[in-house]
All heavy atoms as atom14 arrays in JSON, in Angstrom:
{
  "sequence": "IEKAAQYIEDKYQAKGGDAKAFGGQKYQTLPEAERRAAFAKILPWLRG",
  "atom14_mask": [
    [1, 1, 1, 1, 1, 1, 1, 1, 0, 0, 0, 0, 0, 0],
    [1, 1, 1, 1, 1, 1, 1, 1, 1, 0, 0, 0, 0, 0],
    [1, 1, 1, 1, 1, 1, 1, 1, 1, 0, 0, 0, 0, 0],
    [1, 1, 1, 1, 1, 0, 0, 0, 0, 0, 0, 0, 0, 0],
    [1, 1, 1, 1, 1, 0, 0, 0, 0, 0, 0, 0, 0, 0],
    [1, 1, 1, 1, 1, 1, 1, 1, 1, 0, 0, 0, 0, 0],
    [1, 1, 1, 1, 1, 1, 1, 1, 1, 1, 1, 1, 0, 0],
    [1, 1, 1, 1, 1, 1, 1, 1, 0, 0, 0, 0, 0, 0],
    [1, 1, 1, 1, 1, 1, 1, 1, 1, 0, 0, 0, 0, 0],
    [1, 1, 1, 1, 1, 1, 1, 1, 0, 0, 0, 0, 0, 0],
    [1, 1, 1, 1, 1, 1, 1, 1, 1, 0, 0, 0, 0, 0],
    [1, 1, 1, 1, 1, 1, 1, 1, 1, 1, 1, 1, 0, 0],
    [1, 1, 1, 1, 1, 1, 1, 1, 1, 0, 0, 0, 0, 0],
    [1, 1, 1, 1, 1, 0, 0, 0, 0, 0, 0, 0, 0, 0],
    [1, 1, 1, 1, 1, 1, 1, 1, 1, 0, 0, 0, 0, 0],
    [1, 1, 1, 1, 0, 0, 0, 0, 0, 0, 0, 0, 0, 0],
    [1, 1, 1, 1, 0, 0, 0, 0, 0, 0, 0, 0, 0, 0],
    [1, 1, 1, 1, 1, 1, 1, 1, 0, 0, 0, 0, 0, 0],
    [1, 1, 1, 1, 1, 0, 0, 0, 0, 0, 0, 0, 0, 0],
    [1, 1, 1, 1, 1, 1, 1, 1, 1, 0, 0, 0, 0, 0],
    [1, 1, 1, 1, 1, 0, 0, 0, 0, 0, 0, 0, 0, 0],
    [1, 1, 1, 1, 1, 1, 1, 1, 1, 1, 1, 0, 0, 0],
    [1, 1, 1, 1, 0, 0, 0, 0, 0, 0, 0, 0, 0, 0],
    [1, 1, 1, 1, 0, 0, 0, 0, 0, 0, 0, 0, 0, 0],
    [1, 1, 1, 1, 1, 1, 1, 1, 1, 0, 0, 0, 0, 0],
    [1, 1, 1, 1, 1, 1, 1, 1, 1, 0, 0, 0, 0, 0],
    [1, 1, 1, 1, 1, 1, 1, 1, 1, 1, 1, 1, 0, 0],
    [1, 1, 1, 1, 1, 1, 1, 1, 1, 0, 0, 0, 0, 0],
    [1, 1, 1, 1, 1, 1, 1, 0, 0, 0, 0, 0, 0, 0],
    [1, 1, 1, 1, 1, 1, 1, 1, 0, 0, 0, 0, 0, 0],
    [1, 1, 1, 1, 1, 1, 1, 0, 0, 0, 0, 0, 0, 0],
    [1, 1, 1, 1, 1, 1, 1, 1, 1, 0, 0, 0, 0, 0],
    [1, 1, 1, 1, 1, 0, 0, 0, 0, 0, 0, 0, 0, 0],
    [1, 1, 1, 1, 1, 1, 1, 1, 1, 0, 0, 0, 0, 0],
    [1, 1, 1, 1, 1, 1, 1, 1, 1, 1, 1, 0, 0, 0],
    [1, 1, 1, 1, 1, 1, 1, 1, 1, 1, 1, 0, 0, 0],
    [1, 1, 1, 1, 1, 0, 0, 0, 0, 0, 0, 0, 0, 0],
    [1, 1, 1, 1, 1, 0, 0, 0, 0, 0, 0, 0, 0, 0],
    [1, 1, 1, 1, 1, 1, 1, 1, 1, 1, 1, 0, 0, 0],
    [1, 1, 1, 1, 1, 0, 0, 0, 0, 0, 0, 0, 0, 0],
    [1, 1, 1, 1, 1, 1, 1, 1, 1, 0, 0, 0, 0, 0],
    [1, 1, 1, 1, 1, 1, 1, 1, 0, 0, 0, 0, 0, 0],
    [1, 1, 1, 1, 1, 1, 1, 1, 0, 0, 0, 0, 0, 0],
    [1, 1, 1, 1, 1, 1, 1, 0, 0, 0, 0, 0, 0, 0],
    [1, 1, 1, 1, 1, 1, 1, 1, 1, 1, 1, 1, 1, 1],
    [1, 1, 1, 1, 1, 1, 1, 1, 0, 0, 0, 0, 0, 0],
    [1, 1, 1, 1, 1, 1, 1, 1, 1, 1, 1, 0, 0, 0],
    [1, 1, 1, 1, 0, 0, 0, 0, 0, 0, 0, 0, 0, 0]
  ],
  "atom14_positions": [
    [[16.41, -15.24, 9.08], [15.54, -14.19, 8.54], [15.86, -13.95, 7.07], [14.95, -13.81, 6.23], [15.7, -12.89, 9.35], [15.34, -13.12, 10.82], [14.81, -11.79, 8.77], [15.71, -11.96, 11.74], [0.0, 0.0, 0.0], [0.0, 0.0, 0.0], [0.0, 0.0, 0.0], [0.0, 0.0, 0.0], [0.0, 0.0, 0.0], [0.0, 0.0, 0.0]],
    [[17.13, -13.92, 6.74], [17.56, -13.7, 5.35], [17.01, -14.79, 4.43], [16.49, -14.51, 3.35], [19.09, -13.68, 5.29], [19.67, -13.5, 3.89], [19.56, -12.08, 3.38], [19.34, -11.17, 4.2], [19.72, -11.86, 2.17], [0.0, 0.0, 0.0], [0.0, 0.0, 0.0], [0.0, 0.0, 0.0], [0.0, 0.0, 0.0], [0.0, 0.0, 0.0]],
    [[17.1, -16.03, 4.88], [16.63, -17.15, 4.07], [15.12, -17.05, 3.85], [14.62, -17.27, 2.74], [16.99, -18.47, 4.74], [16.66, -19.7, 3.91], [17.26, -20.97, 4.53], [18.76, -21.01, 4.36], [19.33, -22.33, 4.77], [0.0, 0.0, 0.0], [0.0, 0.0, 0.0], [0.0, 0.0, 0.0], [0.0, 0.0, 0.0], [0.0, 0.0, 0.0]],
    [[14.39, -16.72, 4.91], [12.93, -16.58, 4.79], [12.57, -15.44, 3.86], [11.68, -15.58, 3.0], [12.33, -16.34, 6.18], [0.0, 0.0, 0.0], [0.0, 0.0, 0.0], [0.0, 0.0, 0.0], [0.0, 0.0, 0.0], [0.0, 0.0, 0.0], [0.0, 0.0, 0.0], [0.0, 0.0, 0.0], [0.0, 0.0, 0.0], [0.0, 0.0, 0.0]],
    [[13.24, -14.29, 4.03], [12.93, -13.11, 3.21], [13.22, -13.37, 1.74], [12.44, -12.97, 0.87], [13.73, -11.91, 3.72], [0.0, 0.0, 0.0], [0.0, 0.0, 0.0], [0.0, 0.0, 0.0], [0.0, 0.0, 0.0], [0.0, 0.0, 0.0], [0.0, 0.0, 0.0], [0.0, 0.0, 0.0], [0.0, 0.0, 0.0], [0.0, 0.0, 0.0]],
    [[14.33, -14.04, 1.46], [14.68, -14.3, 0.06], [13.69, -15.27, -0.58], [13.3, -15.09, -1.74], [16.1, -14.87, -0.03], [16.63, -14.95, -1.47], [16.64, -13.61, -2.16], [17.27, -12.66, -1.66], [15.96, -13.49, -3.29], [0.0, 0.0, 0.0], [0.0, 0.0, 0.0], [0.0, 0.0, 0.0], [0.0, 0.0, 0.0], [0.0, 0.0, 0.0]],
    [[13.26, -16.26, 0.16], [12.28, -17.22, -0.35], [10.98, -16.49, -0.69], [10.39, -16.71, -1.76], [12.02, -18.29, 0.72], [11.02, -19.34, 0.31], [11.42, -20.49, -0.37], [9.67, -19.19, 0.61], [10.5, -21.46, -0.74], [8.74, -20.16, 0.24], [9.16, -21.29, -0.44], [8.25, -22.25, -0.81], [0.0, 0.0, 0.0], [0.0, 0.0, 0.0]],
    [[10.55, -15.6, 0.2], [9.31, -14.85, -0.04], [9.44, -13.96, -1.25], [8.55, -13.9, -2.12], [8.95, -14.02, 1.22], [8.49, -14.95, 2.34], [7.87, -12.99, 0.9], [8.37, -14.28, 3.69], [0.0, 0.0, 0.0], [0.0, 0.0, 0.0], [0.0, 0.0, 0.0], [0.0, 0.0, 0.0], [0.0, 0.0, 0.0], [0.0, 0.0, 0.0]],
    [[10.56, -13.24, -1.35], [10.73, -12.31, -2.47], [10.77, -13.04, -3.81], [10.24, -12.55, -4.81], [11.99, -11.46, -2.29], [11.89, -10.45, -1.16], [10.62, -9.62, -1.22], [10.33, -9.04, -2.3], [9.89, -9.57, -0.21], [0.0, 0.0, 0.0], [0.0, 0.0, 0.0], [0.0, 0.0, 0.0], [0.0, 0.0, 0.0], [0.0, 0.0, 0.0]],
    [[11.4, -14.2, -3.84], [11.43, -14.99, -5.08], [10.01, -15.39, -5.5], [9.63, -15.26, -6.68], [12.29, -16.24, -4.89], [13.78, -15.91, -4.78], [14.17, -14.77, -5.12], [14.54, -16.79, -4.32], [0.0, 0.0, 0.0], [0.0, 0.0, 0.0], [0.0, 0.0, 0.0], [0.0, 0.0, 0.0], [0.0, 0.0, 0.0], [0.0, 0.0, 0.0]],
    [[9.22, -15.85, -4.55], [7.84, -16.24, -4.84], [6.99, -15.03, -5.22], [6.14, -15.09, -6.11], [7.23, -16.94, -3.63], [7.89, -18.26, -3.26], [7.52, -19.37, -4.25], [8.04, -20.7, -3.78], [7.71, -21.8, -4.74], [0.0, 0.0, 0.0], [0.0, 0.0, 0.0], [0.0, 0.0, 0.0], [0.0, 0.0, 0.0], [0.0, 0.0, 0.0]],
    [[7.23, -13.94, -4.5], [6.47, -12.7, -4.73], [6.68, -12.18, -6.14], [5.71, -11.85, -6.86], [6.91, -11.66, -3.7], [6.18, -10.35, -3.74], [4.84, -10.24, -3.38], [6.85, -9.18, -4.11], [4.19, -9.03, -3.4], [6.21, -7.95, -4.13], [4.87, -7.88, -3.77], [4.23, -6.66, -3.78], [0.0, 0.0, 0.0], [0.0, 0.0, 0.0]],
    [[7.93, -12.14, -6.56], [8.22, -11.66, -7.91], [7.68, -12.61, -8.97], [7.21, -12.18, -10.02], [9.74, -11.46, -8.08], [10.33, -10.37, -7.21], [9.67, -9.02, -7.4], [9.27, -8.66, -8.51], [9.54, -8.25, -6.32], [0.0, 0.0, 0.0], [0.0, 0.0, 0.0], [0.0, 0.0, 0.0], [0.0, 0.0, 0.0], [0.0, 0.0, 0.0]],
    [[7.75, -13.89, -8.67], [7.24, -14.88, -9.62], [5.73, -14.74, -9.83], [5.19, -15.09, -10.88], [7.57, -16.3, -9.14], [0.0, 0.0, 0.0], [0.0, 0.0, 0.0], [0.0, 0.0, 0.0], [0.0, 0.0, 0.0], [0.0, 0.0, 0.0], [0.0, 0.0, 0.0], [0.0, 0.0, 0.0], [0.0, 0.0, 0.0], [0.0, 0.0, 0.0]],
    [[5.03, -14.2, -8.81], [3.59, -14.0, -8.9], [3.21, -12.63, -9.46], [2.03, -12.28, -9.49], [2.95, -14.18, -7.52], [2.84, -15.64, -7.09], [1.98, -15.76, -5.82], [1.69, -17.2, -5.49], [0.79, -17.32, -4.3], [0.0, 0.0, 0.0], [0.0, 0.0, 0.0], [0.0, 0.0, 0.0], [0.0, 0.0, 0.0], [0.0, 0.0, 0.0]],
    [[4.2, -11.85, -9.87], [3.89, -10.56, -10.47], [4.31, -9.35, -9.67], [4.11, -8.21, -10.11], [0.0, 0.0, 0.0], [0.0, 0.0, 0.0], [0.0, 0.0, 0.0], [0.0, 0.0, 0.0], [0.0, 0.0, 0.0], [0.0, 0.0, 0.0], [0.0, 0.0, 0.0], [0.0, 0.0, 0.0], [0.0, 0.0, 0.0], [0.0, 0.0, 0.0]],
    [[4.88, -9.55, -8.49], [5.4, -8.45, -7.69], [4.32, -7.47, -7.24], [3.15, -7.84, -7.04], [0.0, 0.0, 0.0], [0.0, 0.0, 0.0], [0.0, 0.0, 0.0], [0.0, 0.0, 0.0], [0.0, 0.0, 0.0], [0.0, 0.0, 0.0], [0.0, 0.0, 0.0], [0.0, 0.0, 0.0], [0.0, 0.0, 0.0], [0.0, 0.0, 0.0]],
    [[4.71, -6.19, -7.13], [3.81, -5.17, -6.61], [2.53, -5.03, -7.43], [1.45, -4.76, -6.89], [4.52, -3.81, -6.56], [5.56, -3.75, -5.45], [5.6, -4.68, -4.62], [6.33, -2.78, -5.41], [0.0, 0.0, 0.0], [0.0, 0.0, 0.0], [0.0, 0.0, 0.0], [0.0, 0.0, 0.0], [0.0, 0.0, 0.0], [0.0, 0.0, 0.0]],
    [[2.65, -5.22, -8.73], [1.48, -5.03, -9.61], [0.36, -6.03, -9.29], [-0.82, -5.72, -9.48], [1.89, -5.16, -11.07], [0.0, 0.0, 0.0], [0.0, 0.0, 0.0], [0.0, 0.0, 0.0], [0.0, 0.0, 0.0], [0.0, 0.0, 0.0], [0.0, 0.0, 0.0], [0.0, 0.0, 0.0], [0.0, 0.0, 0.0], [0.0, 0.0, 0.0]],
    [[0.73, -7.2, -8.79], [-0.26, -8.23, -8.5], [-0.49, -8.43, -6.99], [-1.28, -9.28, -6.59], [0.18, -9.57, -9.12], [0.32, -9.54, -10.64], [-1.03, -9.33, -11.31], [-0.89, -9.41, -12.83], [-2.2, -9.21, -13.5], [0.0, 0.0, 0.0], [0.0, 0.0, 0.0], [0.0, 0.0, 0.0], [0.0, 0.0, 0.0], [0.0, 0.0, 0.0]],
    [[0.22, -7.66, -6.18], [0.13, -7.83, -4.74], [-1.29, -7.61, -4.24], [-2.0, -6.72, -4.72], [1.07, -6.86, -4.04], [0.0, 0.0, 0.0], [0.0, 0.0, 0.0], [0.0, 0.0, 0.0], [0.0, 0.0, 0.0], [0.0, 0.0, 0.0], [0.0, 0.0, 0.0], [0.0, 0.0, 0.0], [0.0, 0.0, 0.0], [0.0, 0.0, 0.0]],
    [[-1.71, -8.43, -3.31], [-3.04, -8.32, -2.69], [-4.16, -8.29, -3.74], [-5.14, -7.57, -3.6], [-3.11, -7.07, -1.81], [-2.04, -6.96, -0.77], [-1.15, -5.91, -0.77], [-1.93, -7.93, 0.21], [-0.16, -5.82, 0.19], [-0.94, -7.84, 1.19], [-0.04, -6.78, 1.18], [0.0, 0.0, 0.0], [0.0, 0.0, 0.0], [0.0, 0.0, 0.0]],
    [[-3.98, -9.06, -4.8], [-5.02, -9.15, -5.82], [-5.04, -7.99, -6.8], [-5.98, -7.85, -7.59], [0.0, 0.0, 0.0], [0.0, 0.0, 0.0], [0.0, 0.0, 0.0], [0.0, 0.0, 0.0], [0.0, 0.0, 0.0], [0.0, 0.0, 0.0], [0.0, 0.0, 0.0], [0.0, 0.0, 0.0], [0.0, 0.0, 0.0], [0.0, 0.0, 0.0]],
    [[-4.01, -7.15, -6.77], [-3.94, -6.01, -7.67], [-4.67, -4.79, -7.12], [-5.42, -4.87, -6.15], [0.0, 0.0, 0.0], [0.0, 0.0, 0.0], [0.0, 0.0, 0.0], [0.0, 0.0, 0.0], [0.0, 0.0, 0.0], [0.0, 0.0, 0.0], [0.0, 0.0, 0.0], [0.0, 0.0, 0.0], [0.0, 0.0, 0.0], [0.0, 0.0, 0.0]],
    [[-4.45, -3.66, -7.76], [-5.0, -2.39, -7.28], [-6.45, -2.19, -7.73], [-6.78, -2.34, -8.9], [-4.14, -1.23, -7.78], [-2.72, -1.26, -7.25], [-2.65, -1.08, -5.74], [-2.78, 0.02, -5.24], [-2.44, -2.17, -5.01], [0.0, 0.0, 0.0], [0.0, 0.0, 0.0], [0.0, 0.0, 0.0], [0.0, 0.0, 0.0], [0.0, 0.0, 0.0]],
    [[-7.29, -1.84, -6.77], [-8.7, -1.53, -7.04], [-8.91, -0.01, -7.12], [-9.73, 0.47, -7.9], [-9.57, -2.13, -5.95], [-11.07, -1.9, -6.12], [-11.86, -2.57, -4.99], [-13.35, -2.34, -5.13], [-14.1, -2.96, -4.01], [0.0, 0.0, 0.0], [0.0, 0.0, 0.0], [0.0, 0.0, 0.0], [0.0, 0.0, 0.0], [0.0, 0.0, 0.0]],
    [[-8.18, 0.72, -6.29], [-8.3, 2.18, -6.24], [-6.94, 2.81, -6.49], [-5.89, 2.16, -6.36], [-8.83, 2.64, -4.88], [-10.19, 2.09, -4.54], [-10.36, 1.24, -3.45], [-11.31, 2.43, -5.29], [-11.62, 0.74, -3.12], [-12.57, 1.93, -4.97], [-12.71, 1.08, -3.89], [-13.95, 0.59, -3.58], [0.0, 0.0, 0.0], [0.0, 0.0, 0.0]],
    [[-6.96, 4.1, -6.83], [-5.73, 4.84, -7.08], [-5.45, 5.8, -5.93], [-6.37, 6.37, -5.34], [-5.85, 5.63, -8.4], [-6.06, 4.77, -9.63], [-4.93, 3.78, -9.83], [-3.75, 4.14, -9.8], [-5.29, 2.51, -10.04], [0.0, 0.0, 0.0], [0.0, 0.0, 0.0], [0.0, 0.0, 0.0], [0.0, 0.0, 0.0], [0.0, 0.0, 0.0]],
    [[-4.18, 5.97, -5.65], [-3.76, 6.9, -4.59], [-4.02, 8.34, -5.01], [-3.73, 8.72, -6.15], [-2.26, 6.71, -4.31], [-2.05, 5.38, -3.81], [-1.76, 7.72, -3.29], [0.0, 0.0, 0.0], [0.0, 0.0, 0.0], [0.0, 0.0, 0.0], [0.0, 0.0, 0.0], [0.0, 0.0, 0.0], [0.0, 0.0, 0.0], [0.0, 0.0, 0.0]],
    [[-4.54, 9.13, -4.1], [-4.68, 10.57, -4.36], [-3.31, 11.23, -4.3], [-2.43, 10.78, -3.55], [-5.61, 11.21, -3.33], [-7.08, 10.81, -3.39], [-7.85, 11.44, -2.24], [-7.71, 11.23, -4.72], [0.0, 0.0, 0.0], [0.0, 0.0, 0.0], [0.0, 0.0, 0.0], [0.0, 0.0, 0.0], [0.0, 0.0, 0.0], [0.0, 0.0, 0.0]],
    [[-3.09, 12.31, -5.04], [-1.82, 13.04, -4.95], [-1.55, 13.47, -3.5], [-2.49, 13.68, -2.72], [-2.03, 14.25, -5.85], [-3.1, 13.83, -6.81], [-4.0, 12.91, -6.03], [0.0, 0.0, 0.0], [0.0, 0.0, 0.0], [0.0, 0.0, 0.0], [0.0, 0.0, 0.0], [0.0, 0.0, 0.0], [0.0, 0.0, 0.0], [0.0, 0.0, 0.0]],
    [[-0.29, 13.65, -3.15], [0.08, 13.91, -1.75], [-0.65, 15.11, -1.17], [-1.16, 15.06, -0.05], [1.59, 14.11, -1.63], [2.04, 14.35, -0.2], [3.54, 14.45, -0.05], [4.27, 13.77, -0.81], [3.99, 15.23, 0.81], [0.0, 0.0, 0.0], [0.0, 0.0, 0.0], [0.0, 0.0, 0.0], [0.0, 0.0, 0.0], [0.0, 0.0, 0.0]],
    [[-0.7, 16.21, -1.89], [-1.35, 17.41, -1.37], [-2.83, 17.15, -1.08], [-3.36, 17.59, -0.06], [-1.2, 18.57, -2.35], [0.0, 0.0, 0.0], [0.0, 0.0, 0.0], [0.0, 0.0, 0.0], [0.0, 0.0, 0.0], [0.0, 0.0, 0.0], [0.0, 0.0, 0.0], [0.0, 0.0, 0.0], [0.0, 0.0, 0.0], [0.0, 0.0, 0.0]],
    [[-3.48, 16.41, -1.96], [-4.9, 16.08, -1.75], [-5.08, 15.13, -0.57], [-6.03, 15.25, 0.2], [-5.49, 15.46, -3.02], [-5.65, 16.44, -4.18], [-6.32, 15.78, -5.37], [-7.21, 14.92, -5.16], [-5.95, 16.11, -6.51], [0.0, 0.0, 0.0], [0.0, 0.0, 0.0], [0.0, 0.0, 0.0], [0.0, 0.0, 0.0], [0.0, 0.0, 0.0]],
    [[-4.16, 14.16, -0.45], [-4.23, 13.22, 0.68], [-4.13, 13.96, 2.0], [-4.93, 13.75, 2.92], [-3.08, 12.2, 0.61], [-3.16, 11.2, -0.49], [-2.31, 9.97, -0.19], [-0.94, 10.24, 0.19], [0.07, 10.4, -0.66], [-0.18, 10.35, -1.98], [1.29, 10.6, -0.23], [0.0, 0.0, 0.0], [0.0, 0.0, 0.0], [0.0, 0.0, 0.0]],
    [[-3.12, 14.8, 2.1], [-2.89, 15.49, 3.37], [-4.05, 16.44, 3.68], [-4.44, 16.59, 4.85], [-1.56, 16.24, 3.32], [-0.34, 15.32, 3.06], [-0.05, 14.41, 4.24], [0.88, 13.32, 3.92], [2.21, 13.43, 3.93], [2.78, 14.59, 4.22], [2.97, 12.39, 3.66], [0.0, 0.0, 0.0], [0.0, 0.0, 0.0], [0.0, 0.0, 0.0]],
    [[-4.6, 17.09, 2.66], [-5.74, 17.98, 2.88], [-6.95, 17.18, 3.36], [-7.69, 17.62, 4.26], [-6.07, 18.74, 1.6], [0.0, 0.0, 0.0], [0.0, 0.0, 0.0], [0.0, 0.0, 0.0], [0.0, 0.0, 0.0], [0.0, 0.0, 0.0], [0.0, 0.0, 0.0], [0.0, 0.0, 0.0], [0.0, 0.0, 0.0], [0.0, 0.0, 0.0]],
    [[-7.17, 16.01, 2.77], [-8.3, 15.17, 3.18], [-8.1, 14.66, 4.61], [-9.05, 14.65, 5.41], [-8.44, 14.0, 2.21], [0.0, 0.0, 0.0], [0.0, 0.0, 0.0], [0.0, 0.0, 0.0], [0.0, 0.0, 0.0], [0.0, 0.0, 0.0], [0.0, 0.0, 0.0], [0.0, 0.0, 0.0], [0.0, 0.0, 0.0], [0.0, 0.0, 0.0]],
    [[-6.88, 14.25, 4.92], [-6.58, 13.82, 6.29], [-6.85, 14.95, 7.28], [-7.49, 14.75, 8.32], [-5.12, 13.39, 6.41], [-4.87, 11.93, 6.14], [-3.82, 11.54, 5.31], [-5.65, 10.95, 6.73], [-3.55, 10.2, 5.08], [-5.4, 9.6, 6.51], [-4.34, 9.22, 5.68], [0.0, 0.0, 0.0], [0.0, 0.0, 0.0], [0.0, 0.0, 0.0]],
    [[-6.34, 16.16, 6.97], [-6.48, 17.29, 7.88], [-7.94, 17.62, 8.13], [-8.33, 18.02, 9.24], [-5.74, 18.51, 7.33], [0.0, 0.0, 0.0], [0.0, 0.0, 0.0], [0.0, 0.0, 0.0], [0.0, 0.0, 0.0], [0.0, 0.0, 0.0], [0.0, 0.0, 0.0], [0.0, 0.0, 0.0], [0.0, 0.0, 0.0], [0.0, 0.0, 0.0]],
    [[-8.76, 17.42, 7.11], [-10.18, 17.75, 7.24], [-10.93, 16.72, 8.07], [-11.81, 17.07, 8.87], [-10.81, 17.86, 5.85], [-12.23, 18.42, 5.85], [-12.7, 18.75, 4.45], [-14.07, 19.41, 4.48], [-14.54, 19.76, 3.12], [0.0, 0.0, 0.0], [0.0, 0.0, 0.0], [0.0, 0.0, 0.0], [0.0, 0.0, 0.0], [0.0, 0.0, 0.0]],
    [[-10.59, 15.45, 7.91], [-11.37, 14.4, 8.56], [-10.85, 14.03, 9.94], [-11.6, 13.54, 10.8], [-11.42, 13.13, 7.66], [-12.63, 12.26, 8.01], [-10.12, 12.33, 7.76], [-13.94, 12.84, 7.59], [0.0, 0.0, 0.0], [0.0, 0.0, 0.0], [0.0, 0.0, 0.0], [0.0, 0.0, 0.0], [0.0, 0.0, 0.0], [0.0, 0.0, 0.0]],
    [[-9.55, 14.24, 10.2], [-8.93, 13.73, 11.43], [-9.54, 14.27, 12.72], [-9.82, 13.5, 13.64], [-7.42, 13.99, 11.4], [-6.6, 12.91, 10.69], [-5.21, 13.42, 10.36], [-6.5, 11.66, 11.54], [0.0, 0.0, 0.0], [0.0, 0.0, 0.0], [0.0, 0.0, 0.0], [0.0, 0.0, 0.0], [0.0, 0.0, 0.0], [0.0, 0.0, 0.0]],
    [[-9.75, 15.6, 12.87], [-10.33, 16.06, 14.15], [-11.7, 15.45, 14.43], [-11.98, 15.06, 15.57], [-10.41, 17.58, 13.95], [-9.33, 17.89, 12.96], [-9.35, 16.73, 12.01], [0.0, 0.0, 0.0], [0.0, 0.0, 0.0], [0.0, 0.0, 0.0], [0.0, 0.0, 0.0], [0.0, 0.0, 0.0], [0.0, 0.0, 0.0], [0.0, 0.0, 0.0]],
    [[-12.54, 15.36, 13.41], [-13.85, 14.72, 13.6], [-13.67, 13.26, 14.01], [-14.32, 12.79, 14.95], [-14.66, 14.8, 12.31], [-15.94, 14.02, 12.38], [-17.13, 14.42, 12.93], [-16.14, 12.66, 11.93], [-18.06, 13.4, 12.83], [-17.48, 12.32, 12.23], [-15.33, 11.72, 11.3], [-18.02, 11.08, 11.91], [-15.86, 10.48, 10.99], [-17.19, 10.16, 11.29]],
    [[-12.79, 12.56, 13.34], [-12.57, 11.15, 13.64], [-11.99, 10.98, 15.04], [-12.37, 10.06, 15.78], [-11.64, 10.53, 12.59], [-11.38, 9.03, 12.7], [-12.67, 8.23, 12.68], [-10.44, 8.57, 11.57], [0.0, 0.0, 0.0], [0.0, 0.0, 0.0], [0.0, 0.0, 0.0], [0.0, 0.0, 0.0], [0.0, 0.0, 0.0], [0.0, 0.0, 0.0]],
    [[-11.09, 11.89, 15.41], [-10.53, 11.82, 16.77], [-11.64, 11.96, 17.81], [-11.66, 11.25, 18.82], [-9.49, 12.92, 16.98], [-8.86, 12.9, 18.37], [-7.76, 13.93, 18.53], [-7.15, 13.81, 19.83], [-7.12, 14.78, 20.75], [-7.67, 15.96, 20.49], [-6.55, 14.59, 21.92], [0.0, 0.0, 0.0], [0.0, 0.0, 0.0], [0.0, 0.0, 0.0]],
    [[-12.56, 12.86, 17.56], [-13.69, 13.01, 18.48], [-14.52, 11.75, 18.57], [-14.99, 11.38, 19.65], [0.0, 0.0, 0.0], [0.0, 0.0, 0.0], [0.0, 0.0, 0.0], [0.0, 0.0, 0.0], [0.0, 0.0, 0.0], [0.0, 0.0, 0.0], [0.0, 0.0, 0.0], [0.0, 0.0, 0.0], [0.0, 0.0, 0.0], [0.0, 0.0, 0.0]]
  ]
}
């Protein structure tokens, strides 16, 4: 597992790391308070 993980991380960093992961970021994360408020509002409806 260590050998596999190190091989992946070396390649991952060589390709730009987190900044380039999954083709780069398209959207921005909402601040935590806004995220949790949005979740709280939508979750009961979605659960139904």
